[in-house]
Amino acid sequence: FAGLGVRTSAEKDYESLEPWIQWPSVHSGLTAREHNIFR
């Protein structure tokens, strides 16, 4: 907390708010629609 911290965002639709969708975004630099990994 004493260092640099930011809040990140993700997709708006609840169906895409799954960790197995969002971590591939971190690993690839792509949104859910771009990487198309949903399971």
Full PDB file with SEQRES, HELIX, SHEET, SSBOND, CRYST1, ORIGX, SCALE, CONECT and MASTER records, all heavy atoms in Angstrom:
SEQRES   1 A   39  PHE ALA GLY LEU GLY VAL ARG THR SER ALA GLU LYS ASP          
SEQRES   2 A   39  TYR GLU SER LEU GLU PRO TRP ILE GLN TRP PRO SER VAL          
SEQRES   3 A   39  HIS SER GLY LEU THR ALA ARG GLU HIS ASN ILE PHE ARG          
HELIX    1 AA1 TYR A   14  SER A   16  5                                   3    
HELIX    2 AA2 PRO A   19  SER A   28  1                                  10    
HELIX    3 AA3 ALA A   32  HIS A   35  1                                   4    
CRYST1    1.000    1.000    1.000  90.00  90.00  90.00 P 1           1          
ORIGX1      1.000000  0.000000  0.000000        0.00000                         
ORIGX2      0.000000  1.000000  0.000000        0.00000                         
ORIGX3      0.000000  0.000000  1.000000        0.00000                         
SCALE1      1.000000  0.000000  0.000000        0.00000                         
SCALE2      0.000000  1.000000  0.000000        0.00000                         
SCALE3      0.000000  0.000000  1.000000        0.00000                         
ATOM      1  N   PHE A   1       0.827  -1.210   0.000  1.00  0.00           N  
ATOM      2  CA  PHE A   1       0.000   0.000   0.000  1.00  0.00           C  
ATOM      3  C   PHE A   1       0.863   1.262   0.000  1.00  0.00           C  
ATOM      4  O   PHE A   1       0.439   2.305  -0.513  1.00  0.00           O  
ATOM      5  CB  PHE A   1      -0.929   0.009   1.215  1.00  0.00           C  
ATOM      6  CG  PHE A   1      -1.937  -1.113   1.220  1.00  0.00           C  
ATOM      7  CD1 PHE A   1      -2.383  -1.670   2.408  1.00  0.00           C  
ATOM      8  CD2 PHE A   1      -2.444  -1.615   0.032  1.00  0.00           C  
ATOM      9  CE1 PHE A   1      -3.315  -2.694   2.414  1.00  0.00           C  
ATOM     10  CE2 PHE A   1      -3.370  -2.640   0.020  1.00  0.00           C  
ATOM     11  CZ  PHE A   1      -3.809  -3.184   1.218  1.00  0.00           C  
ATOM     12  N   ALA A   2       2.064   1.161   0.573  1.00  0.00           N  
ATOM     13  CA  ALA A   2       2.948   2.331   0.629  1.00  0.00           C  
ATOM     14  C   ALA A   2       3.612   2.617  -0.713  1.00  0.00           C  
ATOM     15  O   ALA A   2       4.110   3.718  -0.938  1.00  0.00           O  
ATOM     16  CB  ALA A   2       4.022   2.120   1.701  1.00  0.00           C  
ATOM     17  N   GLY A   3       3.629   1.625  -1.614  1.00  0.00           N  
ATOM     18  CA  GLY A   3       4.220   1.812  -2.938  1.00  0.00           C  
ATOM     19  C   GLY A   3       3.164   2.133  -3.971  1.00  0.00           C  
ATOM     20  O   GLY A   3       2.070   2.627  -3.655  1.00  0.00           O  
ATOM     21  N   LEU A   4       3.492   1.845  -5.227  1.00  0.00           N  
ATOM     22  CA  LEU A   4       2.574   2.160  -6.327  1.00  0.00           C  
ATOM     23  C   LEU A   4       1.535   1.048  -6.476  1.00  0.00           C  
ATOM     24  O   LEU A   4       1.879  -0.127  -6.620  1.00  0.00           O  
ATOM     25  CB  LEU A   4       3.338   2.312  -7.640  1.00  0.00           C  
ATOM     26  CG  LEU A   4       2.464   2.557  -8.887  1.00  0.00           C  
ATOM     27  CD1 LEU A   4       1.717   3.873  -8.762  1.00  0.00           C  
ATOM     28  CD2 LEU A   4       3.300   2.533 -10.159  1.00  0.00           C  
ATOM     29  N   GLY A   5       0.282   1.435  -6.446  1.00  0.00           N  
ATOM     30  CA  GLY A   5      -0.804   0.498  -6.689  1.00  0.00           C  
ATOM     31  C   GLY A   5      -1.839   1.117  -7.611  1.00  0.00           C  
ATOM     32  O   GLY A   5      -2.071   2.330  -7.569  1.00  0.00           O  
ATOM     33  N   VAL A   6      -2.433   0.301  -8.470  1.00  0.00           N  
ATOM     34  CA  VAL A   6      -3.482   0.768  -9.371  1.00  0.00           C  
ATOM     35  C   VAL A   6      -4.648  -0.210  -9.308  1.00  0.00           C  
ATOM     36  O   VAL A   6      -4.509  -1.358  -8.871  1.00  0.00           O  
ATOM     37  CB  VAL A   6      -2.998   0.893 -10.830  1.00  0.00           C  
ATOM     38  CG1 VAL A   6      -1.818   1.834 -10.936  1.00  0.00           C  
ATOM     39  CG2 VAL A   6      -2.651  -0.477 -11.412  1.00  0.00           C  
ATOM     40  N   ARG A   7      -5.793   0.271  -9.755  1.00  0.00           N  
ATOM     41  CA  ARG A   7      -6.947  -0.594  -9.952  1.00  0.00           C  
ATOM     42  C   ARG A   7      -7.034  -0.925 -11.431  1.00  0.00           C  
ATOM     43  O   ARG A   7      -6.859  -0.049 -12.279  1.00  0.00           O  
ATOM     44  CB  ARG A   7      -8.234   0.096  -9.481  1.00  0.00           C  
ATOM     45  CG  ARG A   7      -8.249   0.350  -7.973  1.00  0.00           C  
ATOM     46  CD  ARG A   7      -9.435   1.200  -7.553  1.00  0.00           C  
ATOM     47  NE  ARG A   7      -9.308   1.567  -6.144  1.00  0.00           N  
ATOM     48  CZ  ARG A   7      -9.881   0.922  -5.133  1.00  0.00           C  
ATOM     49  NH1 ARG A   7     -10.669  -0.109  -5.385  1.00  0.00           N  
ATOM     50  NH2 ARG A   7      -9.713   1.304  -3.881  1.00  0.00           N  
ATOM     51  N   THR A   8      -7.281  -2.197 -11.716  1.00  0.00           N  
ATOM     52  CA  THR A   8      -7.441  -2.615 -13.103  1.00  0.00           C  
ATOM     53  C   THR A   8      -8.923  -2.846 -13.394  1.00  0.00           C  
ATOM     54  O   THR A   8      -9.744  -2.912 -12.478  1.00  0.00           O  
ATOM     55  CB  THR A   8      -6.657  -3.904 -13.380  1.00  0.00           C  
ATOM     56  OG1 THR A   8      -7.129  -4.953 -12.519  1.00  0.00           O  
ATOM     57  CG2 THR A   8      -5.173  -3.693 -13.151  1.00  0.00           C  
ATOM     58  N   SER A   9      -9.256  -2.971 -14.658  1.00  0.00           N  
ATOM     59  CA  SER A   9     -10.639  -3.221 -15.061  1.00  0.00           C  
ATOM     60  C   SER A   9     -10.678  -4.463 -15.946  1.00  0.00           C  
ATOM     61  O   SER A   9      -9.647  -4.994 -16.355  1.00  0.00           O  
ATOM     62  CB  SER A   9     -11.223  -2.014 -15.802  1.00  0.00           C  
ATOM     63  OG  SER A   9     -10.516  -1.799 -17.022  1.00  0.00           O  
ATOM     64  N   ALA A  10     -11.884  -4.908 -16.240  1.00  0.00           N  
ATOM     65  CA  ALA A  10     -12.064  -6.076 -17.103  1.00  0.00           C  
ATOM     66  C   ALA A  10     -13.333  -5.881 -17.913  1.00  0.00           C  
ATOM     67  O   ALA A  10     -13.906  -4.780 -17.955  1.00  0.00           O  
ATOM     68  CB  ALA A  10     -12.121  -7.352 -16.269  1.00  0.00           C  
ATOM     69  N   GLU A  11     -13.797  -6.954 -18.531  1.00  0.00           N  
ATOM     70  CA  GLU A  11     -15.017  -6.874 -19.331  1.00  0.00           C  
ATOM     71  C   GLU A  11     -16.214  -6.488 -18.463  1.00  0.00           C  
ATOM     72  O   GLU A  11     -16.232  -6.723 -17.251  1.00  0.00           O  
ATOM     73  CB  GLU A  11     -15.277  -8.223 -20.010  1.00  0.00           C  
ATOM     74  CG  GLU A  11     -14.530  -8.421 -21.310  1.00  0.00           C  
ATOM     75  CD  GLU A  11     -13.028  -8.502 -21.155  1.00  0.00           C  
ATOM     76  OE1 GLU A  11     -12.534  -8.827 -20.063  1.00  0.00           O  
ATOM     77  OE2 GLU A  11     -12.320  -8.233 -22.138  1.00  0.00           O  
ATOM     78  N   LYS A  12     -17.234  -5.906 -19.083  1.00  0.00           N  
ATOM     79  CA  LYS A  12     -18.424  -5.468 -18.359  1.00  0.00           C  
ATOM     80  C   LYS A  12     -19.425  -6.590 -18.128  1.00  0.00           C  
ATOM     81  O   LYS A  12     -20.133  -6.601 -17.120  1.00  0.00           O  
ATOM     82  CB  LYS A  12     -19.119  -4.333 -19.127  1.00  0.00           C  
ATOM     83  CG  LYS A  12     -18.246  -3.115 -19.398  1.00  0.00           C  
ATOM     84  CD  LYS A  12     -17.852  -2.410 -18.117  1.00  0.00           C  
ATOM     85  CE  LYS A  12     -17.052  -1.137 -18.413  1.00  0.00           C  
ATOM     86  NZ  LYS A  12     -16.609  -0.460 -17.179  1.00  0.00           N  
ATOM     87  N   ASP A  13     -19.522  -7.536 -19.086  1.00  0.00           N  
ATOM     88  CA  ASP A  13     -20.520  -8.593 -18.954  1.00  0.00           C  
ATOM     89  C   ASP A  13     -20.063  -9.616 -17.923  1.00  0.00           C  
ATOM     90  O   ASP A  13     -18.914 -10.063 -17.933  1.00  0.00           O  
ATOM     91  CB  ASP A  13     -20.798  -9.264 -20.299  1.00  0.00           C  
ATOM     92  CG  ASP A  13     -19.546  -9.875 -20.911  1.00  0.00           C  
ATOM     93  OD1 ASP A  13     -18.589  -9.114 -21.146  1.00  0.00           O  
ATOM     94  OD2 ASP A  13     -19.537 -11.104 -21.134  1.00  0.00           O  
ATOM     95  N   TYR A  14     -20.987 -10.015 -17.047  1.00  0.00           N  
ATOM     96  CA  TYR A  14     -20.626 -10.871 -15.924  1.00  0.00           C  
ATOM     97  C   TYR A  14     -20.121 -12.233 -16.387  1.00  0.00           C  
ATOM     98  O   TYR A  14     -19.271 -12.844 -15.727  1.00  0.00           O  
ATOM     99  CB  TYR A  14     -21.831 -11.053 -14.977  1.00  0.00           C  
ATOM    100  CG  TYR A  14     -21.438 -11.690 -13.669  1.00  0.00           C  
ATOM    101  CD1 TYR A  14     -20.804 -10.935 -12.675  1.00  0.00           C  
ATOM    102  CD2 TYR A  14     -21.671 -13.044 -13.424  1.00  0.00           C  
ATOM    103  CE1 TYR A  14     -20.417 -11.509 -11.480  1.00  0.00           C  
ATOM    104  CE2 TYR A  14     -21.284 -13.626 -12.230  1.00  0.00           C  
ATOM    105  CZ  TYR A  14     -20.667 -12.860 -11.260  1.00  0.00           C  
ATOM    106  OH  TYR A  14     -20.279 -13.436 -10.070  1.00  0.00           O  
ATOM    107  N   GLU A  15     -20.615 -12.723 -17.525  1.00  0.00           N  
ATOM    108  CA  GLU A  15     -20.195 -14.032 -18.015  1.00  0.00           C  
ATOM    109  C   GLU A  15     -18.696 -14.071 -18.322  1.00  0.00           C  
ATOM    110  O   GLU A  15     -18.077 -15.135 -18.295  1.00  0.00           O  
ATOM    111  CB  GLU A  15     -20.981 -14.413 -19.270  1.00  0.00           C  
ATOM    112  CG  GLU A  15     -22.451 -14.737 -19.028  1.00  0.00           C  
ATOM    113  CD  GLU A  15     -23.297 -13.505 -18.723  1.00  0.00           C  
ATOM    114  OE1 GLU A  15     -22.836 -12.370 -19.030  1.00  0.00           O  
ATOM    115  OE2 GLU A  15     -24.406 -13.659 -18.187  1.00  0.00           O  
ATOM    116  N   SER A  16     -18.099 -12.915 -18.607  1.00  0.00           N  
ATOM    117  CA  SER A  16     -16.666 -12.861 -18.915  1.00  0.00           C  
ATOM    118  C   SER A  16     -15.809 -12.615 -17.684  1.00  0.00           C  
ATOM    119  O   SER A  16     -14.578 -12.623 -17.775  1.00  0.00           O  
ATOM    120  CB  SER A  16     -16.386 -11.766 -19.957  1.00  0.00           C  
ATOM    121  OG  SER A  16     -16.991 -12.078 -21.196  1.00  0.00           O  
ATOM    122  N   LEU A  17     -16.460 -12.379 -16.543  1.00  0.00           N  
ATOM    123  CA  LEU A  17     -15.708 -12.109 -15.322  1.00  0.00           C  
ATOM    124  C   LEU A  17     -15.359 -13.420 -14.620  1.00  0.00           C  
ATOM    125  O   LEU A  17     -15.840 -13.717 -13.519  1.00  0.00           O  
ATOM    126  CB  LEU A  17     -16.510 -11.190 -14.397  1.00  0.00           C  
ATOM    127  CG  LEU A  17     -16.773  -9.784 -14.935  1.00  0.00           C  
ATOM    128  CD1 LEU A  17     -17.542  -8.958 -13.922  1.00  0.00           C  
ATOM    129  CD2 LEU A  17     -15.459  -9.088 -15.311  1.00  0.00           C  
ATOM    130  N   GLU A  18     -14.532 -14.198 -15.286  1.00  0.00           N  
ATOM    131  CA  GLU A  18     -14.036 -15.450 -14.739  1.00  0.00           C  
ATOM    132  C   GLU A  18     -12.508 -15.417 -14.779  1.00  0.00           C  
ATOM    133  O   GLU A  18     -11.915 -14.894 -15.728  1.00  0.00           O  
ATOM    134  CB  GLU A  18     -14.536 -16.644 -15.549  1.00  0.00           C  
ATOM    135  CG  GLU A  18     -16.039 -16.864 -15.523  1.00  0.00           C  
ATOM    136  CD  GLU A  18     -16.546 -17.406 -14.181  1.00  0.00           C  
ATOM    137  OE1 GLU A  18     -15.722 -17.580 -13.251  1.00  0.00           O  
ATOM    138  OE2 GLU A  18     -17.761 -17.635 -14.064  1.00  0.00           O  
ATOM    139  N   PRO A  19     -11.853 -15.964 -13.765  1.00  0.00           N  
ATOM    140  CA  PRO A  19     -10.379 -15.892 -13.750  1.00  0.00           C  
ATOM    141  C   PRO A  19      -9.729 -16.610 -14.914  1.00  0.00           C  
ATOM    142  O   PRO A  19      -8.675 -16.183 -15.392  1.00  0.00           O  
ATOM    143  CB  PRO A  19     -10.020 -16.554 -12.403  1.00  0.00           C  
ATOM    144  CG  PRO A  19     -11.200 -17.413 -12.067  1.00  0.00           C  
ATOM    145  CD  PRO A  19     -12.389 -16.662 -12.591  1.00  0.00           C  
ATOM    146  N   TRP A  20     -10.354 -17.703 -15.399  1.00  0.00           N  
ATOM    147  CA  TRP A  20      -9.764 -18.427 -16.528  1.00  0.00           C  
ATOM    148  C   TRP A  20      -9.918 -17.668 -17.839  1.00  0.00           C  
ATOM    149  O   TRP A  20      -9.365 -18.065 -18.847  1.00  0.00           O  
ATOM    150  CB  TRP A  20     -10.371 -19.822 -16.644  1.00  0.00           C  
ATOM    151  CG  TRP A  20     -11.871 -19.878 -16.618  1.00  0.00           C  
ATOM    152  CD1 TRP A  20     -12.725 -19.662 -17.651  1.00  0.00           C  
ATOM    153  CD2 TRP A  20     -12.693 -20.179 -15.491  1.00  0.00           C  
ATOM    154  NE1 TRP A  20     -14.022 -19.810 -17.254  1.00  0.00           N  
ATOM    155  CE2 TRP A  20     -14.036 -20.132 -15.910  1.00  0.00           C  
ATOM    156  CE3 TRP A  20     -12.418 -20.496 -14.154  1.00  0.00           C  
ATOM    157  CZ2 TRP A  20     -15.113 -20.377 -15.049  1.00  0.00           C  
ATOM    158  CZ3 TRP A  20     -13.482 -20.737 -13.300  1.00  0.00           C  
ATOM    159  CH2 TRP A  20     -14.803 -20.678 -13.752  1.00  0.00           C  
ATOM    160  N   ILE A  21     -10.672 -16.569 -17.816  1.00  0.00           N  
ATOM    161  CA  ILE A  21     -10.754 -15.674 -18.976  1.00  0.00           C  
ATOM    162  C   ILE A  21      -9.806 -14.497 -18.808  1.00  0.00           C  
ATOM    163  O   ILE A  21      -9.129 -14.087 -19.754  1.00  0.00           O  
ATOM    164  CB  ILE A  21     -12.201 -15.163 -19.169  1.00  0.00           C  
ATOM    165  CG1 ILE A  21     -13.156 -16.332 -19.432  1.00  0.00           C  
ATOM    166  CG2 ILE A  21     -12.279 -14.146 -20.300  1.00  0.00           C  
ATOM    167  CD1 ILE A  21     -14.617 -15.931 -19.491  1.00  0.00           C  
ATOM    168  N   GLN A  22      -9.733 -13.955 -17.600  1.00  0.00           N  
ATOM    169  CA  GLN A  22      -8.951 -12.739 -17.380  1.00  0.00           C  
ATOM    170  C   GLN A  22      -7.450 -12.994 -17.289  1.00  0.00           C  
ATOM    171  O   GLN A  22      -6.653 -12.176 -17.750  1.00  0.00           O  
ATOM    172  CB  GLN A  22      -9.446 -12.034 -16.110  1.00  0.00           C  
ATOM    173  CG  GLN A  22     -10.901 -11.592 -16.188  1.00  0.00           C  
ATOM    174  CD  GLN A  22     -11.180 -10.711 -17.400  1.00  0.00           C  
ATOM    175  OE1 GLN A  22     -10.370  -9.856 -17.757  1.00  0.00           O  
ATOM    176  NE2 GLN A  22     -12.327 -10.918 -18.043  1.00  0.00           N  
ATOM    177  N   TRP A  23      -7.027 -14.138 -16.714  1.00  0.00           N  
ATOM    178  CA  TRP A  23      -5.583 -14.379 -16.659  1.00  0.00           C  
ATOM    179  C   TRP A  23      -4.970 -14.590 -18.038  1.00  0.00           C  
ATOM    180  O   TRP A  23      -3.839 -14.126 -18.291  1.00  0.00           O  
ATOM    181  CB  TRP A  23      -5.260 -15.526 -15.704  1.00  0.00           C  
ATOM    182  CG  TRP A  23      -5.434 -15.120 -14.268  1.00  0.00           C  
ATOM    183  CD1 TRP A  23      -6.361 -15.569 -13.375  1.00  0.00           C  
ATOM    184  CD2 TRP A  23      -4.675 -14.122 -13.568  1.00  0.00           C  
ATOM    185  NE1 TRP A  23      -6.229 -14.922 -12.162  1.00  0.00           N  
ATOM    186  CE2 TRP A  23      -5.205 -14.027 -12.255  1.00  0.00           C  
ATOM    187  CE3 TRP A  23      -3.603 -13.298 -13.914  1.00  0.00           C  
ATOM    188  CZ2 TRP A  23      -4.687 -13.153 -11.300  1.00  0.00           C  
ATOM    189  CZ3 TRP A  23      -3.089 -12.417 -12.965  1.00  0.00           C  
ATOM    190  CH2 TRP A  23      -3.627 -12.353 -11.674  1.00  0.00           C  
ATOM    191  N   PRO A  24      -5.639 -15.252 -18.968  1.00  0.00           N  
ATOM    192  CA  PRO A  24      -5.096 -15.258 -20.329  1.00  0.00           C  
ATOM    193  C   PRO A  24      -4.929 -13.861 -20.918  1.00  0.00           C  
ATOM    194  O   PRO A  24      -4.040 -13.635 -21.761  1.00  0.00           O  
ATOM    195  CB  PRO A  24      -6.115 -16.086 -21.118  1.00  0.00           C  
ATOM    196  CG  PRO A  24      -6.639 -17.053 -20.110  1.00  0.00           C  
ATOM    197  CD  PRO A  24      -6.733 -16.238 -18.844  1.00  0.00           C  
ATOM    198  N   SER A  25      -5.764 -12.904 -20.500  1.00  0.00           N  
ATOM    199  CA  SER A  25      -5.568 -11.522 -20.943  1.00  0.00           C  
ATOM    200  C   SER A  25      -4.260 -10.966 -20.402  1.00  0.00           C  
ATOM    201  O   SER A  25      -3.511 -10.282 -21.113  1.00  0.00           O  
ATOM    202  CB  SER A  25      -6.741 -10.645 -20.474  1.00  0.00           C  
ATOM    203  OG  SER A  25      -7.908 -10.903 -21.223  1.00  0.00           O  
ATOM    204  N   VAL A  26      -3.957 -11.261 -19.138  1.00  0.00           N  
ATOM    205  CA  VAL A  26      -2.682 -10.827 -18.557  1.00  0.00           C  
ATOM    206  C   VAL A  26      -1.520 -11.470 -19.301  1.00  0.00           C  
ATOM    207  O   VAL A  26      -0.510 -10.816 -19.595  1.00  0.00           O  
ATOM    208  CB  VAL A  26      -2.627 -11.194 -17.056  1.00  0.00           C  
ATOM    209  CG1 VAL A  26      -1.254 -10.866 -16.473  1.00  0.00           C  
ATOM    210  CG2 VAL A  26      -3.723 -10.464 -16.279  1.00  0.00           C  
ATOM    211  N   HIS A  27      -1.650 -12.736 -19.623  1.00  0.00           N  
ATOM    212  CA  HIS A  27      -0.547 -13.472 -20.241  1.00  0.00           C  
ATOM    213  C   HIS A  27      -0.360 -13.145 -21.720  1.00  0.00           C  
ATOM    214  O   HIS A  27       0.727 -13.360 -22.260  1.00  0.00           O  
ATOM    215  CB  HIS A  27      -0.780 -14.983 -20.102  1.00  0.00           C  
ATOM    216  CG  HIS A  27      -0.933 -15.434 -18.684  1.00  0.00           C  
ATOM    217  ND1 HIS A  27      -1.668 -16.540 -18.319  1.00  0.00           N  
ATOM    218  CD2 HIS A  27      -0.446 -14.907 -17.526  1.00  0.00           C  
ATOM    219  CE1 HIS A  27      -1.626 -16.689 -17.005  1.00  0.00           C  
ATOM    220  NE2 HIS A  27      -0.899 -15.715 -16.504  1.00  0.00           N  
ATOM    221  N   SER A  28      -1.408 -12.636 -22.375  1.00  0.00           N  
ATOM    222  CA  SER A  28      -1.333 -12.404 -23.824  1.00  0.00           C  
ATOM    223  C   SER A  28      -1.425 -10.939 -24.232  1.00  0.00           C  
ATOM    224  O   SER A  28      -1.092 -10.594 -25.371  1.00  0.00           O  
ATOM    225  CB  SER A  28      -2.461 -13.169 -24.529  1.00  0.00           C  
ATOM    226  OG  SER A  28      -3.730 -12.600 -24.200  1.00  0.00           O  
ATOM    227  N   GLY A  29      -1.943 -10.078 -23.356  1.00  0.00           N  
ATOM    228  CA  GLY A  29      -2.143  -8.684 -23.721  1.00  0.00           C  
ATOM    229  C   GLY A  29      -3.380  -8.455 -24.569  1.00  0.00           C  
ATOM    230  O   GLY A  29      -3.501  -7.415 -25.229  1.00  0.00           O  
ATOM    231  N   LEU A  30      -4.326  -9.396 -24.543  1.00  0.00           N  
ATOM    232  CA  LEU A  30      -5.528  -9.321 -25.368  1.00  0.00           C  
ATOM    233  C   LEU A  30      -6.779  -9.341 -24.500  1.00  0.00           C  
ATOM    234  O   LEU A  30      -6.792  -9.933 -23.420  1.00  0.00           O  
ATOM    235  CB  LEU A  30      -5.569 -10.502 -26.347  1.00  0.00           C  
ATOM    236  CG  LEU A  30      -4.371 -10.654 -27.285  1.00  0.00           C  
ATOM    237  CD1 LEU A  30      -4.471 -11.948 -28.069  1.00  0.00           C  
ATOM    238  CD2 LEU A  30      -4.273  -9.460 -28.228  1.00  0.00           C  
ATOM    239  N   THR A  31      -7.836  -8.715 -24.975  1.00  0.00           N  
ATOM    240  CA  THR A  31      -9.110  -8.784 -24.287  1.00  0.00           C  
ATOM    241  C   THR A  31      -9.724 -10.175 -24.470  1.00  0.00           C  
ATOM    242  O   THR A  31      -9.254 -10.978 -25.281  1.00  0.00           O  
ATOM    243  CB  THR A  31     -10.097  -7.736 -24.828  1.00  0.00           C  
ATOM    244  OG1 THR A  31     -10.394  -8.055 -26.200  1.00  0.00           O  
ATOM    245  CG2 THR A  31      -9.511  -6.334 -24.736  1.00  0.00           C  
ATOM    246  N   ALA A  32     -10.792 -10.439 -23.733  1.00  0.00           N  
ATOM    247  CA  ALA A  32     -11.460 -11.735 -23.849  1.00  0.00           C  
ATOM    248  C   ALA A  32     -11.920 -11.984 -25.284  1.00  0.00           C  
ATOM    249  O   ALA A  32     -11.758 -13.088 -25.818  1.00  0.00           O  
ATOM    250  CB  ALA A  32     -12.641 -11.797 -22.879  1.00  0.00           C  
ATOM    251  N   ARG A  33     -12.498 -10.975 -25.913  1.00  0.00           N  
ATOM    252  CA  ARG A  33     -12.978 -11.144 -27.283  1.00  0.00           C  
ATOM    253  C   ARG A  33     -11.826 -11.405 -28.240  1.00  0.00           C  
ATOM    254  O   ARG A  33     -11.970 -12.158 -29.212  1.00  0.00           O  
ATOM    255  CB  ARG A  33     -13.753  -9.900 -27.721  1.00  0.00           C  
ATOM    256  CG  ARG A  33     -14.292  -9.979 -29.139  1.00  0.00           C  
ATOM    257  CD  ARG A  33     -15.166  -8.791 -29.461  1.00  0.00           C  
ATOM    258  NE  ARG A  33     -16.384  -8.777 -28.668  1.00  0.00           N  
ATOM    259  CZ  ARG A  33     -17.338  -7.855 -28.765  1.00  0.00           C  
ATOM    260  NH1 ARG A  33     -17.209  -6.867 -29.640  1.00  0.00           N  
ATOM    261  NH2 ARG A  33     -18.406  -7.920 -28.001  1.00  0.00           N  
ATOM    262  N   GLU A  34     -10.666 -10.829 -27.959  1.00  0.00           N  
ATOM    263  CA  GLU A  34      -9.519 -11.004 -28.855  1.00  0.00           C  
ATOM    264  C   GLU A  34      -8.852 -12.363 -28.686  1.00  0.00           C  
ATOM    265  O   GLU A  34      -8.471 -12.995 -29.666  1.00  0.00           O  
ATOM    266  CB  GLU A  34      -8.495  -9.889 -28.606  1.00  0.00           C  
ATOM    267  CG  GLU A  34      -8.983  -8.514 -29.075  1.00  0.00           C  
ATOM    268  CD  GLU A  34      -8.104  -7.377 -28.577  1.00  0.00           C  
ATOM    269  OE1 GLU A  34      -7.403  -7.566 -27.550  1.00  0.00           O  
ATOM    270  OE2 GLU A  34      -8.123  -6.297 -29.188  1.00  0.00           O  
ATOM    271  N   HIS A  35      -8.707 -12.831 -27.444  1.00  0.00           N  
ATOM    272  CA  HIS A  35      -8.047 -14.137 -27.278  1.00  0.00           C  
ATOM    273  C   HIS A  35      -9.028 -15.302 -27.378  1.00  0.00           C  
ATOM    274  O   HIS A  35      -8.635 -16.438 -27.638  1.00  0.00           O  
ATOM    275  CB  HIS A  35      -7.217 -14.209 -26.001  1.00  0.00           C  
ATOM    276  CG  HIS A  35      -7.963 -14.078 -24.703  1.00  0.00           C  
ATOM    277  ND1 HIS A  35      -9.000 -14.917 -24.327  1.00  0.00           N  
ATOM    278  CD2 HIS A  35      -7.780 -13.218 -23.654  1.00  0.00           C  
ATOM    279  CE1 HIS A  35      -9.418 -14.593 -23.114  1.00  0.00           C  
ATOM    280  NE2 HIS A  35      -8.721 -13.557 -22.702  1.00  0.00           N  
ATOM    281  N   ASN A  36     -10.313 -15.046 -27.159  1.00  0.00           N  
ATOM    282  CA  ASN A  36     -11.367 -16.044 -27.375  1.00  0.00           C  
ATOM    283  C   ASN A  36     -11.173 -17.307 -26.526  1.00  0.00           C  
ATOM    284  O   ASN A  36     -11.506 -18.415 -26.942  1.00  0.00           O  
ATOM    285  CB  ASN A  36     -11.441 -16.428 -28.857  1.00  0.00           C  
ATOM    286  CG  ASN A  36     -12.782 -17.055 -29.223  1.00  0.00           C  
ATOM    287  OD1 ASN A  36     -13.817 -16.677 -28.678  1.00  0.00           O  
ATOM    288  ND2 ASN A  36     -12.770 -18.015 -30.130  1.00  0.00           N  
ATOM    289  N   ILE A  37     -10.655 -17.124 -25.318  1.00  0.00           N  
ATOM    290  CA  ILE A  37     -10.483 -18.234 -24.377  1.00  0.00           C  
ATOM    291  C   ILE A  37     -11.517 -18.046 -23.269  1.00  0.00           C  
ATOM    292  O   ILE A  37     -11.396 -17.128 -22.450  1.00  0.00           O  
ATOM    293  CB  ILE A  37      -9.061 -18.263 -23.795  1.00  0.00           C  
ATOM    294  CG1 ILE A  37      -8.044 -18.491 -24.909  1.00  0.00           C  
ATOM    295  CG2 ILE A  37      -8.924 -19.341 -22.719  1.00  0.00           C  
ATOM    296  CD1 ILE A  37      -6.606 -18.310 -24.474  1.00  0.00           C  
ATOM    297  N   PHE A  38     -12.523 -18.909 -23.252  1.00  0.00           N  
ATOM    298  CA  PHE A  38     -13.635 -18.702 -22.329  1.00  0.00           C  
ATOM    299  C   PHE A  38     -13.866 -19.861 -21.364  1.00  0.00           C  
ATOM    300  O   PHE A  38     -14.772 -19.804 -20.539  1.00  0.00           O  
ATOM    301  CB  PHE A  38     -14.923 -18.435 -23.117  1.00  0.00           C  
ATOM    302  CG  PHE A  38     -14.912 -17.113 -23.826  1.00  0.00           C  
ATOM    303  CD1 PHE A  38     -14.631 -17.030 -25.182  1.00  0.00           C  
ATOM    304  CD2 PHE A  38     -15.157 -15.936 -23.137  1.00  0.00           C  
ATOM    305  CE1 PHE A  38     -14.610 -15.805 -25.844  1.00  0.00           C  
ATOM    306  CE2 PHE A  38     -15.129 -14.704 -23.781  1.00  0.00           C  
ATOM    307  CZ  PHE A  38     -14.868 -14.642 -25.135  1.00  0.00           C  
ATOM    308  N   ARG A  39     -13.066 -20.913 -21.468  1.00  0.00           N  
ATOM    309  CA  ARG A  39     -13.216 -22.048 -20.558  1.00  0.00           C  
ATOM    310  C   ARG A  39     -11.846 -22.481 -20.049  1.00  0.00           C  
ATOM    311  O   ARG A  39     -10.825 -22.303 -20.723  1.00  0.00           O  
ATOM    312  CB  ARG A  39     -13.891 -23.237 -21.269  1.00  0.00           C  
ATOM    313  CG  ARG A  39     -15.276 -22.937 -21.812  1.00  0.00           C  
ATOM    314  CD  ARG A  39     -16.289 -22.674 -20.730  1.00  0.00           C  
ATOM    315  NE  ARG A  39     -17.644 -22.552 -21.263  1.00  0.00           N  
ATOM    316  CZ  ARG A  39     -18.711 -22.227 -20.529  1.00  0.00           C  
ATOM    317  NH1 ARG A  39     -18.577 -21.987 -19.239  1.00  0.00           N  
ATOM    318  NH2 ARG A  39     -19.914 -22.138 -21.085  1.00  0.00           N  
TER     319      ARG A  39                                                      
MASTER        0    0    0    3    0    0    0    6  318    1    0    3          
END                                                                             
